[in-house]
Amino acid sequence: MAKQARTFVVIGLGAFGTAVAAELARSGNRVLGIDSDERRVTQMSTTLSSAVILDSTDELALREAGVEGYDVVLVAIGSDIQASILTTMNVKMLGVETIWVKASNKTHHRILSKLGADRVILPEQEMGRHIAQRLNNPIVQDYVSLGNGFSVVNIEVPEKLNGRPLKALHKGAANGIRYLCVMRGSEYMACDSPDFVLQVDDTLIVLGKTQELRRFGDAL
C-alpha cells in the first residue's frame, strides 16, 4: 500500500520557509504556502499545491484558508516576532495537530514553547552544529541529533576499508556504536552480519552517543 502523503501549511515564504515548502512539495506532499507579500506568493504558486496572500495574524483569514484541515503547520515568519507569536496562537486556536515554529532568538524560543508549539527551531544554531560536525570530521556526510546525547551520522567509507568486513570495526561496536545500514549508491543494504564487506564510497549509517561517534570517526 502506498504511503499516504501528509498535508502541510508553511506560513512565511522567506528563504527558510520557501526552502522547506519546496522540499515538502517535491516529496509529493500537499503544501499550502501563506505570506502577506504578493511577490513571494506568486513566486511559489507553481511549486506548491496552493499559495495564498493573507495576514496570518488574522485568525479568521487562516480559518477561511482552511488551515485547520492540514496535518502540520510550520510558522516560518522571520524577524517579525510579534507576528510569529500571534500566528502561532491563531494556529493553536484552530486546533492544528502539529505546529512547528521558527524562532529568531532564545527569548522568542521560550515564548513559543510556552504557547504550546510542538517543535521550536533555531535554524542558524541547528545548522551551525551540523556544519561543525562535518568540519570536525570530513568523512561525516550528514548528522542528525536525536536528543539525549544520541545522534545518527552518515559516514563515507574510506579507501583503506575497501573490501574489509564490518567486523573490522568491532572496536566501534564495543563502545556502543550501532551500525544501522549501508547505502551503496541508491541501494539500501542491511549490515546485520559482521561479515558484511564494505566498499569504498559506501555510506555507513551509524547510531551512537555523540562523543563516541566522534571518536569512531576519528579512528577511521
N, C-alpha and C. Protein backbone atom coordinates (compact mmCIF):
# COMPACT_ATOMS: atom_id res chain seq x y z
N MET A 1 0.85 -1.20 0.00
CA MET A 1 0.00 0.00 0.00
C MET A 1 0.88 1.24 0.00
N ALA A 2 0.59 2.19 -0.87
CA ALA A 2 1.40 3.41 -0.96
C ALA A 2 1.23 4.26 0.28
N LYS A 3 2.31 4.88 0.69
CA LYS A 3 2.27 5.76 1.84
C LYS A 3 1.43 6.99 1.53
N GLN A 4 0.50 7.30 2.44
CA GLN A 4 -0.37 8.46 2.22
C GLN A 4 0.41 9.74 2.48
N ALA A 5 0.33 10.66 1.53
CA ALA A 5 1.03 11.93 1.68
C ALA A 5 0.41 12.74 2.81
N ARG A 6 1.23 13.44 3.54
CA ARG A 6 0.75 14.32 4.60
C ARG A 6 0.48 15.69 3.99
N THR A 7 -0.24 16.50 4.74
CA THR A 7 -0.56 17.85 4.26
C THR A 7 0.08 18.88 5.18
N PHE A 8 0.62 19.93 4.57
CA PHE A 8 1.40 20.92 5.30
C PHE A 8 0.97 22.34 4.93
N VAL A 9 1.09 23.22 5.92
CA VAL A 9 0.98 24.66 5.67
C VAL A 9 2.30 25.29 6.09
N VAL A 10 2.86 26.11 5.23
CA VAL A 10 4.06 26.88 5.57
C VAL A 10 3.67 28.34 5.56
N ILE A 11 3.73 28.98 6.73
CA ILE A 11 3.36 30.39 6.85
C ILE A 11 4.64 31.22 6.95
N GLY A 12 4.87 32.05 5.95
CA GLY A 12 6.10 32.83 5.87
C GLY A 12 6.99 32.26 4.79
N LEU A 13 6.98 32.87 3.62
CA LEU A 13 7.71 32.34 2.47
C LEU A 13 8.99 33.13 2.20
N GLY A 14 9.75 33.35 3.28
CA GLY A 14 11.10 33.89 3.11
C GLY A 14 12.02 32.77 2.66
N ALA A 15 13.33 32.98 2.82
CA ALA A 15 14.30 31.98 2.34
C ALA A 15 14.10 30.63 3.02
N PHE A 16 13.92 30.65 4.35
CA PHE A 16 13.76 29.41 5.10
C PHE A 16 12.44 28.72 4.74
N GLY A 17 11.34 29.45 4.83
CA GLY A 17 10.03 28.88 4.54
C GLY A 17 9.92 28.36 3.12
N THR A 18 10.47 29.09 2.17
CA THR A 18 10.44 28.68 0.77
C THR A 18 11.19 27.37 0.57
N ALA A 19 12.36 27.26 1.18
CA ALA A 19 13.16 26.04 1.04
C ALA A 19 12.42 24.83 1.60
N VAL A 20 11.82 25.00 2.78
CA VAL A 20 11.09 23.89 3.40
C VAL A 20 9.86 23.52 2.57
N ALA A 21 9.10 24.52 2.17
CA ALA A 21 7.88 24.27 1.41
C ALA A 21 8.17 23.58 0.09
N ALA A 22 9.19 24.04 -0.62
CA ALA A 22 9.54 23.45 -1.91
C ALA A 22 9.98 22.00 -1.76
N GLU A 23 10.75 21.71 -0.71
CA GLU A 23 11.21 20.33 -0.50
C GLU A 23 10.05 19.42 -0.13
N LEU A 24 9.13 19.91 0.68
CA LEU A 24 7.95 19.12 1.03
C LEU A 24 7.12 18.82 -0.22
N ALA A 25 6.98 19.81 -1.07
CA ALA A 25 6.22 19.62 -2.31
C ALA A 25 6.91 18.62 -3.23
N ARG A 26 8.23 18.69 -3.32
CA ARG A 26 8.98 17.75 -4.17
C ARG A 26 8.83 16.32 -3.69
N SER A 27 8.55 16.16 -2.39
CA SER A 27 8.38 14.82 -1.83
C SER A 27 6.96 14.29 -2.03
N GLY A 28 6.13 15.05 -2.74
CA GLY A 28 4.80 14.59 -3.08
C GLY A 28 3.71 14.96 -2.10
N ASN A 29 4.01 15.86 -1.17
CA ASN A 29 3.03 16.28 -0.18
C ASN A 29 2.19 17.44 -0.69
N ARG A 30 0.98 17.56 -0.16
CA ARG A 30 0.15 18.73 -0.46
C ARG A 30 0.57 19.85 0.47
N VAL A 31 0.97 20.97 -0.11
CA VAL A 31 1.53 22.08 0.67
C VAL A 31 0.80 23.38 0.32
N LEU A 32 0.33 24.05 1.36
CA LEU A 32 -0.25 25.38 1.23
C LEU A 32 0.76 26.40 1.73
N GLY A 33 1.13 27.34 0.89
CA GLY A 33 2.03 28.42 1.28
C GLY A 33 1.26 29.69 1.56
N ILE A 34 1.64 30.38 2.63
CA ILE A 34 0.96 31.62 3.04
C ILE A 34 1.98 32.70 3.31
N ASP A 35 1.71 33.88 2.78
CA ASP A 35 2.54 35.04 3.08
C ASP A 35 1.72 36.30 2.79
N SER A 36 2.09 37.38 3.44
CA SER A 36 1.39 38.65 3.18
C SER A 36 1.98 39.40 1.99
N ASP A 37 3.13 38.91 1.49
CA ASP A 37 3.82 39.54 0.36
C ASP A 37 3.37 38.88 -0.95
N GLU A 38 2.73 39.63 -1.80
CA GLU A 38 2.21 39.09 -3.06
C GLU A 38 3.31 38.52 -3.93
N ARG A 39 4.46 39.18 -3.95
CA ARG A 39 5.57 38.71 -4.80
C ARG A 39 6.03 37.32 -4.39
N ARG A 40 6.17 37.10 -3.09
CA ARG A 40 6.61 35.79 -2.61
C ARG A 40 5.59 34.70 -2.94
N VAL A 41 4.32 35.02 -2.76
CA VAL A 41 3.27 34.05 -3.04
C VAL A 41 3.26 33.70 -4.52
N THR A 42 3.40 34.71 -5.37
CA THR A 42 3.40 34.48 -6.82
C THR A 42 4.56 33.58 -7.23
N GLN A 43 5.73 33.80 -6.62
CA GLN A 43 6.91 33.00 -6.95
C GLN A 43 6.73 31.52 -6.62
N MET A 44 5.93 31.23 -5.57
CA MET A 44 5.76 29.85 -5.14
C MET A 44 4.48 29.21 -5.68
N SER A 45 3.69 29.95 -6.41
CA SER A 45 2.37 29.48 -6.81
C SER A 45 2.43 28.25 -7.72
N THR A 46 3.47 28.11 -8.51
CA THR A 46 3.57 26.95 -9.40
C THR A 46 4.31 25.78 -8.76
N THR A 47 4.97 26.04 -7.64
CA THR A 47 5.72 24.99 -6.95
C THR A 47 4.85 24.24 -5.95
N LEU A 48 3.97 24.95 -5.27
CA LEU A 48 3.16 24.37 -4.21
C LEU A 48 1.76 24.00 -4.71
N SER A 49 1.08 23.21 -3.92
CA SER A 49 -0.29 22.83 -4.26
C SER A 49 -1.18 24.07 -4.35
N SER A 50 -0.96 24.99 -3.42
CA SER A 50 -1.68 26.26 -3.43
C SER A 50 -0.88 27.27 -2.62
N ALA A 51 -1.08 28.54 -2.92
CA ALA A 51 -0.39 29.61 -2.21
C ALA A 51 -1.34 30.81 -2.15
N VAL A 52 -1.46 31.40 -0.97
CA VAL A 52 -2.42 32.49 -0.80
C VAL A 52 -1.78 33.67 -0.09
N ILE A 53 -2.29 34.84 -0.39
CA ILE A 53 -1.85 36.08 0.26
C ILE A 53 -2.83 36.37 1.39
N LEU A 54 -2.31 36.42 2.61
CA LEU A 54 -3.17 36.80 3.73
C LEU A 54 -2.32 37.20 4.92
N ASP A 55 -2.98 37.85 5.88
CA ASP A 55 -2.35 38.26 7.13
C ASP A 55 -2.57 37.15 8.14
N SER A 56 -1.50 36.42 8.47
CA SER A 56 -1.64 35.26 9.35
C SER A 56 -1.92 35.63 10.80
N THR A 57 -1.84 36.93 11.13
CA THR A 57 -2.21 37.35 12.49
C THR A 57 -3.73 37.47 12.62
N ASP A 58 -4.44 37.26 11.52
CA ASP A 58 -5.90 37.31 11.49
C ASP A 58 -6.43 35.87 11.51
N GLU A 59 -6.97 35.46 12.66
CA GLU A 59 -7.44 34.08 12.80
C GLU A 59 -8.52 33.74 11.79
N LEU A 60 -9.42 34.67 11.52
CA LEU A 60 -10.49 34.42 10.57
C LEU A 60 -9.94 34.14 9.18
N ALA A 61 -8.91 34.89 8.78
CA ALA A 61 -8.31 34.69 7.47
C ALA A 61 -7.70 33.29 7.36
N LEU A 62 -7.05 32.84 8.42
CA LEU A 62 -6.48 31.49 8.42
C LEU A 62 -7.58 30.44 8.34
N ARG A 63 -8.68 30.69 9.06
CA ARG A 63 -9.79 29.74 9.04
C ARG A 63 -10.41 29.66 7.63
N GLU A 64 -10.56 30.82 6.99
CA GLU A 64 -11.12 30.84 5.64
C GLU A 64 -10.22 30.14 4.64
N ALA A 65 -8.90 30.14 4.92
CA ALA A 65 -7.95 29.45 4.03
C ALA A 65 -7.95 27.94 4.28
N GLY A 66 -8.67 27.49 5.32
CA GLY A 66 -8.77 26.06 5.61
C GLY A 66 -7.56 25.47 6.30
N VAL A 67 -6.81 26.31 7.03
CA VAL A 67 -5.57 25.86 7.67
C VAL A 67 -5.82 24.72 8.65
N GLU A 68 -6.96 24.74 9.34
CA GLU A 68 -7.23 23.71 10.35
C GLU A 68 -7.39 22.32 9.75
N GLY A 69 -7.54 22.23 8.43
CA GLY A 69 -7.70 20.94 7.78
C GLY A 69 -6.39 20.27 7.40
N TYR A 70 -5.26 20.90 7.71
CA TYR A 70 -3.95 20.34 7.37
C TYR A 70 -3.33 19.62 8.56
N ASP A 71 -2.43 18.68 8.27
CA ASP A 71 -1.81 17.88 9.33
C ASP A 71 -0.79 18.67 10.15
N VAL A 72 0.02 19.46 9.46
CA VAL A 72 1.14 20.14 10.10
C VAL A 72 1.21 21.59 9.62
N VAL A 73 1.48 22.50 10.55
CA VAL A 73 1.73 23.89 10.18
C VAL A 73 3.13 24.27 10.64
N LEU A 74 3.90 24.85 9.72
CA LEU A 74 5.19 25.44 10.06
C LEU A 74 5.06 26.95 9.98
N VAL A 75 5.26 27.61 11.11
CA VAL A 75 5.27 29.08 11.13
C VAL A 75 6.72 29.50 10.93
N ALA A 76 7.02 29.99 9.73
CA ALA A 76 8.40 30.31 9.34
C ALA A 76 8.61 31.81 9.19
N ILE A 77 7.84 32.58 9.94
CA ILE A 77 7.97 34.04 9.89
C ILE A 77 9.32 34.43 10.49
N GLY A 78 10.03 35.32 9.82
CA GLY A 78 11.39 35.65 10.21
C GLY A 78 11.53 36.65 11.34
N SER A 79 11.76 37.91 11.01
CA SER A 79 12.17 38.89 12.02
C SER A 79 11.01 39.51 12.79
N ASP A 80 9.78 39.36 12.33
CA ASP A 80 8.64 39.95 13.00
C ASP A 80 8.16 39.02 14.11
N ILE A 81 8.74 39.19 15.29
CA ILE A 81 8.45 38.28 16.40
C ILE A 81 6.99 38.36 16.82
N GLN A 82 6.43 39.57 16.84
CA GLN A 82 5.04 39.73 17.22
C GLN A 82 4.11 38.95 16.28
N ALA A 83 4.36 39.06 14.99
CA ALA A 83 3.55 38.33 14.02
C ALA A 83 3.71 36.83 14.19
N SER A 84 4.91 36.39 14.49
CA SER A 84 5.17 34.97 14.71
C SER A 84 4.37 34.45 15.90
N ILE A 85 4.38 35.21 16.99
CA ILE A 85 3.67 34.79 18.21
C ILE A 85 2.16 34.78 17.98
N LEU A 86 1.64 35.83 17.35
CA LEU A 86 0.20 35.90 17.11
C LEU A 86 -0.24 34.79 16.15
N THR A 87 0.56 34.54 15.14
CA THR A 87 0.23 33.48 14.19
C THR A 87 0.22 32.12 14.88
N THR A 88 1.21 31.87 15.72
CA THR A 88 1.26 30.61 16.46
C THR A 88 0.03 30.44 17.34
N MET A 89 -0.36 31.51 18.03
CA MET A 89 -1.57 31.46 18.86
C MET A 89 -2.80 31.16 18.01
N ASN A 90 -2.90 31.78 16.85
CA ASN A 90 -4.05 31.55 15.97
C ASN A 90 -4.11 30.11 15.49
N VAL A 91 -2.96 29.59 15.08
CA VAL A 91 -2.91 28.21 14.58
C VAL A 91 -3.28 27.24 15.71
N LYS A 92 -2.81 27.54 16.91
CA LYS A 92 -3.16 26.72 18.07
C LYS A 92 -4.67 26.75 18.33
N MET A 93 -5.25 27.93 18.21
CA MET A 93 -6.69 28.09 18.43
C MET A 93 -7.50 27.32 17.40
N LEU A 94 -6.95 27.17 16.21
CA LEU A 94 -7.65 26.44 15.14
C LEU A 94 -7.63 24.93 15.37
N GLY A 95 -6.81 24.48 16.31
CA GLY A 95 -6.76 23.06 16.64
C GLY A 95 -5.89 22.22 15.75
N VAL A 96 -4.92 22.84 15.08
CA VAL A 96 -4.00 22.07 14.24
C VAL A 96 -3.21 21.09 15.11
N GLU A 97 -3.08 19.87 14.65
CA GLU A 97 -2.49 18.81 15.46
C GLU A 97 -1.01 19.04 15.75
N THR A 98 -0.24 19.42 14.74
CA THR A 98 1.21 19.56 14.89
C THR A 98 1.65 20.93 14.41
N ILE A 99 2.36 21.65 15.28
CA ILE A 99 2.81 23.01 14.95
C ILE A 99 4.30 23.12 15.20
N TRP A 100 5.03 23.47 14.16
CA TRP A 100 6.45 23.78 14.26
C TRP A 100 6.61 25.27 14.00
N VAL A 101 7.55 25.89 14.72
CA VAL A 101 7.73 27.34 14.57
C VAL A 101 9.22 27.67 14.54
N LYS A 102 9.57 28.57 13.63
CA LYS A 102 10.94 29.10 13.57
C LYS A 102 11.07 30.23 14.58
N ALA A 103 12.12 30.17 15.40
CA ALA A 103 12.39 31.23 16.37
C ALA A 103 13.57 32.07 15.92
N SER A 104 13.55 33.34 16.34
CA SER A 104 14.64 34.25 15.98
C SER A 104 15.75 34.28 17.03
N ASN A 105 15.39 34.00 18.28
CA ASN A 105 16.38 34.02 19.37
C ASN A 105 15.85 33.17 20.52
N LYS A 106 16.63 33.09 21.59
CA LYS A 106 16.27 32.20 22.70
C LYS A 106 15.03 32.68 23.45
N THR A 107 14.86 33.99 23.56
CA THR A 107 13.66 34.51 24.23
C THR A 107 12.42 34.17 23.42
N HIS A 108 12.50 34.38 22.12
CA HIS A 108 11.41 34.00 21.22
C HIS A 108 11.13 32.51 21.35
N HIS A 109 12.18 31.71 21.44
CA HIS A 109 12.06 30.26 21.60
C HIS A 109 11.26 29.92 22.85
N ARG A 110 11.58 30.56 23.97
CA ARG A 110 10.88 30.27 25.23
C ARG A 110 9.40 30.64 25.14
N ILE A 111 9.10 31.76 24.52
CA ILE A 111 7.71 32.19 24.39
C ILE A 111 6.92 31.19 23.56
N LEU A 112 7.49 30.79 22.44
CA LEU A 112 6.81 29.84 21.56
C LEU A 112 6.58 28.50 22.24
N SER A 113 7.55 28.06 23.03
CA SER A 113 7.40 26.81 23.77
C SER A 113 6.26 26.91 24.77
N LYS A 114 6.16 28.06 25.44
CA LYS A 114 5.07 28.29 26.40
C LYS A 114 3.71 28.28 25.71
N LEU A 115 3.68 28.72 24.46
CA LEU A 115 2.42 28.76 23.71
C LEU A 115 1.97 27.38 23.24
N GLY A 116 2.85 26.39 23.40
CA GLY A 116 2.47 25.03 23.05
C GLY A 116 2.90 24.55 21.69
N ALA A 117 3.89 25.23 21.08
CA ALA A 117 4.42 24.73 19.80
C ALA A 117 5.05 23.36 20.02
N ASP A 118 4.83 22.44 19.09
CA ASP A 118 5.37 21.09 19.24
C ASP A 118 6.88 21.05 19.04
N ARG A 119 7.38 21.93 18.19
CA ARG A 119 8.83 22.00 17.96
C ARG A 119 9.18 23.43 17.61
N VAL A 120 10.18 23.96 18.30
CA VAL A 120 10.66 25.31 18.01
C VAL A 120 12.07 25.19 17.44
N ILE A 121 12.29 25.83 16.30
CA ILE A 121 13.53 25.67 15.56
C ILE A 121 14.33 26.97 15.60
N LEU A 122 15.62 26.85 15.89
CA LEU A 122 16.56 27.96 15.73
C LEU A 122 17.48 27.55 14.57
N PRO A 123 17.10 27.86 13.33
CA PRO A 123 17.82 27.33 12.16
C PRO A 123 19.31 27.61 12.15
N GLU A 124 19.69 28.83 12.53
CA GLU A 124 21.10 29.18 12.48
C GLU A 124 21.91 28.33 13.45
N GLN A 125 21.39 28.10 14.67
CA GLN A 125 22.11 27.29 15.65
C GLN A 125 22.16 25.83 15.21
N GLU A 126 21.02 25.31 14.72
CA GLU A 126 21.00 23.91 14.30
C GLU A 126 21.92 23.68 13.11
N MET A 127 21.91 24.60 12.16
CA MET A 127 22.81 24.47 11.01
C MET A 127 24.26 24.63 11.44
N GLY A 128 24.50 25.52 12.40
CA GLY A 128 25.85 25.70 12.91
C GLY A 128 26.41 24.42 13.51
N ARG A 129 25.60 23.73 14.30
CA ARG A 129 26.04 22.46 14.88
C ARG A 129 26.29 21.42 13.80
N HIS A 130 25.40 21.42 12.80
CA HIS A 130 25.52 20.47 11.69
C HIS A 130 26.83 20.69 10.93
N ILE A 131 27.12 21.94 10.61
CA ILE A 131 28.35 22.27 9.89
C ILE A 131 29.57 21.95 10.73
N ALA A 132 29.50 22.23 12.04
CA ALA A 132 30.64 21.95 12.93
C ALA A 132 30.98 20.47 12.94
N GLN A 133 29.94 19.62 12.96
CA GLN A 133 30.19 18.17 12.93
C GLN A 133 30.91 17.76 11.66
N ARG A 134 30.50 18.34 10.53
CA ARG A 134 31.12 17.97 9.27
C ARG A 134 32.54 18.53 9.14
N LEU A 135 32.76 19.72 9.66
CA LEU A 135 34.11 20.28 9.64
C LEU A 135 35.03 19.50 10.56
N ASN A 136 34.50 19.07 11.70
CA ASN A 136 35.29 18.33 12.68
C ASN A 136 35.76 16.99 12.13
N ASN A 137 34.93 16.38 11.29
CA ASN A 137 35.29 15.07 10.73
C ASN A 137 34.81 15.01 9.28
N PRO A 138 35.69 15.24 8.32
CA PRO A 138 35.30 15.35 6.90
C PRO A 138 34.63 14.11 6.33
N ILE A 139 34.80 12.91 6.93
CA ILE A 139 34.17 11.73 6.37
C ILE A 139 32.69 11.64 6.77
N VAL A 140 32.26 12.51 7.70
CA VAL A 140 30.85 12.55 8.06
C VAL A 140 30.09 13.33 6.98
N GLN A 141 29.19 12.63 6.30
CA GLN A 141 28.43 13.26 5.21
C GLN A 141 27.20 13.99 5.73
N ASP A 142 26.61 13.45 6.80
CA ASP A 142 25.42 14.07 7.36
C ASP A 142 25.33 13.72 8.83
N TYR A 143 24.55 14.50 9.56
CA TYR A 143 24.49 14.37 11.01
C TYR A 143 23.12 14.79 11.50
N VAL A 144 22.49 13.95 12.33
CA VAL A 144 21.19 14.27 12.90
C VAL A 144 21.23 14.00 14.39
N SER A 145 20.92 15.01 15.19
CA SER A 145 20.85 14.84 16.64
C SER A 145 19.48 14.28 17.00
N LEU A 146 19.46 13.21 17.81
CA LEU A 146 18.21 12.59 18.25
C LEU A 146 17.82 13.02 19.65
N GLY A 147 18.66 13.82 20.31
CA GLY A 147 18.40 14.22 21.69
C GLY A 147 18.99 13.21 22.66
N ASN A 148 19.06 13.59 23.93
CA ASN A 148 19.61 12.74 24.99
C ASN A 148 21.02 12.25 24.68
N GLY A 149 21.76 13.05 23.92
CA GLY A 149 23.15 12.72 23.64
C GLY A 149 23.36 11.76 22.48
N PHE A 150 22.30 11.30 21.85
CA PHE A 150 22.42 10.35 20.73
C PHE A 150 22.31 11.07 19.39
N SER A 151 23.04 10.54 18.42
CA SER A 151 23.00 11.09 17.07
C SER A 151 23.09 9.95 16.06
N VAL A 152 22.65 10.25 14.85
CA VAL A 152 22.86 9.35 13.72
C VAL A 152 23.75 10.09 12.72
N VAL A 153 24.80 9.42 12.24
CA VAL A 153 25.67 10.04 11.26
C VAL A 153 25.80 9.14 10.03
N ASN A 154 25.98 9.78 8.90
CA ASN A 154 26.29 9.07 7.65
C ASN A 154 27.79 9.23 7.39
N ILE A 155 28.49 8.11 7.37
CA ILE A 155 29.95 8.14 7.23
C ILE A 155 30.35 7.53 5.89
N GLU A 156 31.15 8.26 5.15
CA GLU A 156 31.67 7.75 3.88
C GLU A 156 32.81 6.78 4.15
N VAL A 157 32.67 5.56 3.68
CA VAL A 157 33.70 4.53 3.92
C VAL A 157 34.98 4.91 3.18
N PRO A 158 36.10 5.06 3.91
CA PRO A 158 37.36 5.45 3.26
C PRO A 158 37.99 4.30 2.49
N GLU A 159 38.92 4.64 1.63
CA GLU A 159 39.55 3.65 0.76
C GLU A 159 40.24 2.55 1.54
N LYS A 160 40.78 2.88 2.72
CA LYS A 160 41.53 1.88 3.49
C LYS A 160 40.64 0.74 4.00
N LEU A 161 39.31 0.95 3.99
CA LEU A 161 38.39 -0.09 4.44
C LEU A 161 37.75 -0.84 3.28
N ASN A 162 38.14 -0.53 2.06
CA ASN A 162 37.58 -1.19 0.89
C ASN A 162 37.87 -2.69 0.94
N GLY A 163 36.80 -3.52 0.85
CA GLY A 163 36.96 -4.96 0.86
C GLY A 163 37.08 -5.58 2.23
N ARG A 164 37.02 -4.76 3.27
CA ARG A 164 37.14 -5.30 4.62
C ARG A 164 35.75 -5.55 5.22
N PRO A 165 35.63 -6.58 6.06
CA PRO A 165 34.33 -6.89 6.67
C PRO A 165 33.99 -5.89 7.77
N LEU A 166 32.70 -5.82 8.07
CA LEU A 166 32.23 -4.90 9.10
C LEU A 166 32.86 -5.20 10.45
N LYS A 167 33.18 -6.47 10.70
CA LYS A 167 33.76 -6.83 12.00
C LYS A 167 35.14 -6.20 12.20
N ALA A 168 35.73 -5.66 11.12
CA ALA A 168 36.99 -4.95 11.27
C ALA A 168 36.81 -3.68 12.10
N LEU A 169 35.56 -3.25 12.25
CA LEU A 169 35.26 -2.06 13.03
C LEU A 169 34.74 -2.43 14.41
N HIS A 170 35.06 -3.63 14.90
CA HIS A 170 34.48 -4.12 16.14
C HIS A 170 34.76 -3.23 17.34
N LYS A 171 35.85 -2.48 17.30
CA LYS A 171 36.15 -1.59 18.43
C LYS A 171 35.08 -0.51 18.57
N GLY A 172 34.56 -0.03 17.43
CA GLY A 172 33.49 0.94 17.48
C GLY A 172 32.25 0.36 18.11
N ALA A 173 31.91 -0.88 17.71
CA ALA A 173 30.72 -1.53 18.26
C ALA A 173 30.85 -1.74 19.75
N ALA A 174 32.07 -2.06 20.21
CA ALA A 174 32.29 -2.31 21.63
C ALA A 174 32.05 -1.06 22.46
N ASN A 175 32.18 0.11 21.85
CA ASN A 175 31.97 1.38 22.56
C ASN A 175 30.54 1.89 22.43
N GLY A 176 29.61 1.03 22.02
CA GLY A 176 28.22 1.43 21.96
C GLY A 176 27.77 1.96 20.61
N ILE A 177 28.60 1.80 19.58
CA ILE A 177 28.23 2.22 18.24
C ILE A 177 27.36 1.12 17.62
N ARG A 178 26.28 1.54 16.98
CA ARG A 178 25.41 0.56 16.30
C ARG A 178 25.33 0.89 14.83
N TYR A 179 25.62 -0.12 13.99
CA TYR A 179 25.56 0.07 12.55
C TYR A 179 24.13 -0.22 12.08
N LEU A 180 23.49 0.78 11.46
CA LEU A 180 22.10 0.64 11.08
C LEU A 180 21.94 0.04 9.69
N CYS A 181 22.70 0.54 8.73
CA CYS A 181 22.62 0.01 7.36
C CYS A 181 23.75 0.63 6.54
N VAL A 182 23.84 0.20 5.30
CA VAL A 182 24.78 0.77 4.34
C VAL A 182 24.00 1.18 3.09
N MET A 183 24.30 2.37 2.58
CA MET A 183 23.76 2.80 1.28
C MET A 183 24.89 2.68 0.27
N ARG A 184 24.65 1.86 -0.75
CA ARG A 184 25.64 1.69 -1.82
C ARG A 184 25.02 2.29 -3.08
N GLY A 185 25.38 3.55 -3.34
CA GLY A 185 24.68 4.30 -4.37
C GLY A 185 23.27 4.56 -3.87
N SER A 186 22.27 4.14 -4.62
CA SER A 186 20.87 4.31 -4.21
C SER A 186 20.31 3.03 -3.59
N GLU A 187 21.16 2.02 -3.40
CA GLU A 187 20.70 0.72 -2.90
C GLU A 187 20.87 0.64 -1.39
N TYR A 188 19.78 0.25 -0.70
CA TYR A 188 19.82 0.02 0.75
C TYR A 188 20.32 -1.39 1.00
N MET A 189 21.27 -1.53 1.94
CA MET A 189 21.81 -2.84 2.25
C MET A 189 21.86 -3.02 3.76
N ALA A 190 21.24 -4.10 4.25
CA ALA A 190 21.30 -4.41 5.68
C ALA A 190 22.73 -4.82 6.03
N CYS A 191 23.17 -4.43 7.21
CA CYS A 191 24.54 -4.78 7.61
C CYS A 191 24.52 -5.43 9.00
N ASP A 192 23.57 -6.37 9.19
CA ASP A 192 23.45 -7.03 10.49
C ASP A 192 24.43 -8.18 10.66
N SER A 193 25.15 -8.53 9.59
CA SER A 193 26.17 -9.58 9.69
C SER A 193 27.54 -8.95 9.86
N PRO A 194 28.36 -9.46 10.79
CA PRO A 194 29.71 -8.92 10.96
C PRO A 194 30.62 -9.20 9.77
N ASP A 195 30.17 -10.11 8.88
CA ASP A 195 30.97 -10.44 7.70
C ASP A 195 30.59 -9.60 6.48
N PHE A 196 29.67 -8.66 6.67
CA PHE A 196 29.30 -7.77 5.56
C PHE A 196 30.55 -7.04 5.07
N VAL A 197 30.79 -7.06 3.76
CA VAL A 197 32.01 -6.48 3.19
C VAL A 197 31.75 -5.06 2.72
N LEU A 198 32.56 -4.16 3.21
CA LEU A 198 32.44 -2.74 2.87
C LEU A 198 33.14 -2.45 1.54
N GLN A 199 32.65 -1.43 0.87
CA GLN A 199 33.29 -0.94 -0.35
C GLN A 199 33.56 0.55 -0.22
N VAL A 200 34.63 1.00 -0.85
CA VAL A 200 34.95 2.42 -0.82
C VAL A 200 33.78 3.21 -1.38
N ASP A 201 33.48 4.32 -0.74
CA ASP A 201 32.38 5.22 -1.10
C ASP A 201 31.01 4.72 -0.65
N ASP A 202 30.95 3.54 0.04
CA ASP A 202 29.71 3.18 0.72
C ASP A 202 29.39 4.26 1.75
N THR A 203 28.11 4.43 2.05
CA THR A 203 27.72 5.30 3.15
C THR A 203 27.23 4.42 4.29
N LEU A 204 27.97 4.45 5.38
CA LEU A 204 27.64 3.66 6.57
C LEU A 204 26.84 4.54 7.52
N ILE A 205 25.64 4.10 7.88
CA ILE A 205 24.76 4.88 8.75
C ILE A 205 24.85 4.30 10.14
N VAL A 206 25.26 5.16 11.09
CA VAL A 206 25.66 4.70 12.42
C VAL A 206 24.92 5.48 13.50
N LEU A 207 24.52 4.77 14.56
CA LEU A 207 23.85 5.37 15.71
C LEU A 207 24.75 5.25 16.93
N GLY A 208 24.77 6.30 17.75
CA GLY A 208 25.54 6.22 18.99
C GLY A 208 25.55 7.54 19.72
N LYS A 209 26.22 7.55 20.87
CA LYS A 209 26.43 8.77 21.63
C LYS A 209 27.35 9.70 20.84
N THR A 210 27.09 10.99 20.91
CA THR A 210 27.82 11.95 20.09
C THR A 210 29.33 11.85 20.28
N GLN A 211 29.80 11.78 21.53
CA GLN A 211 31.24 11.70 21.78
C GLN A 211 31.84 10.41 21.24
N GLU A 212 31.09 9.29 21.38
CA GLU A 212 31.59 8.02 20.86
C GLU A 212 31.65 8.02 19.34
N LEU A 213 30.66 8.66 18.72
CA LEU A 213 30.67 8.78 17.26
C LEU A 213 31.85 9.61 16.79
N ARG A 214 32.18 10.65 17.53
CA ARG A 214 33.31 11.49 17.16
C ARG A 214 34.61 10.70 17.23
N ARG A 215 34.79 9.91 18.30
CA ARG A 215 35.99 9.08 18.41
C ARG A 215 36.04 8.01 17.33
N PHE A 216 34.87 7.46 17.02
CA PHE A 216 34.79 6.44 15.99
C PHE A 216 35.19 7.02 14.63
N GLY A 217 34.66 8.20 14.32
CA GLY A 217 35.01 8.87 13.07
C GLY A 217 36.49 9.19 12.99
N ASP A 218 37.05 9.66 14.10
CA ASP A 218 38.49 9.98 14.12
C ASP A 218 39.33 8.74 13.86
N ALA A 219 38.89 7.59 14.41
CA ALA A 219 39.65 6.35 14.24
C ALA A 219 39.65 5.88 12.80
N LEU A 220 38.60 6.24 12.06
CA LEU A 220 38.54 5.84 10.65
C LEU A 220 39.45 6.69 9.78
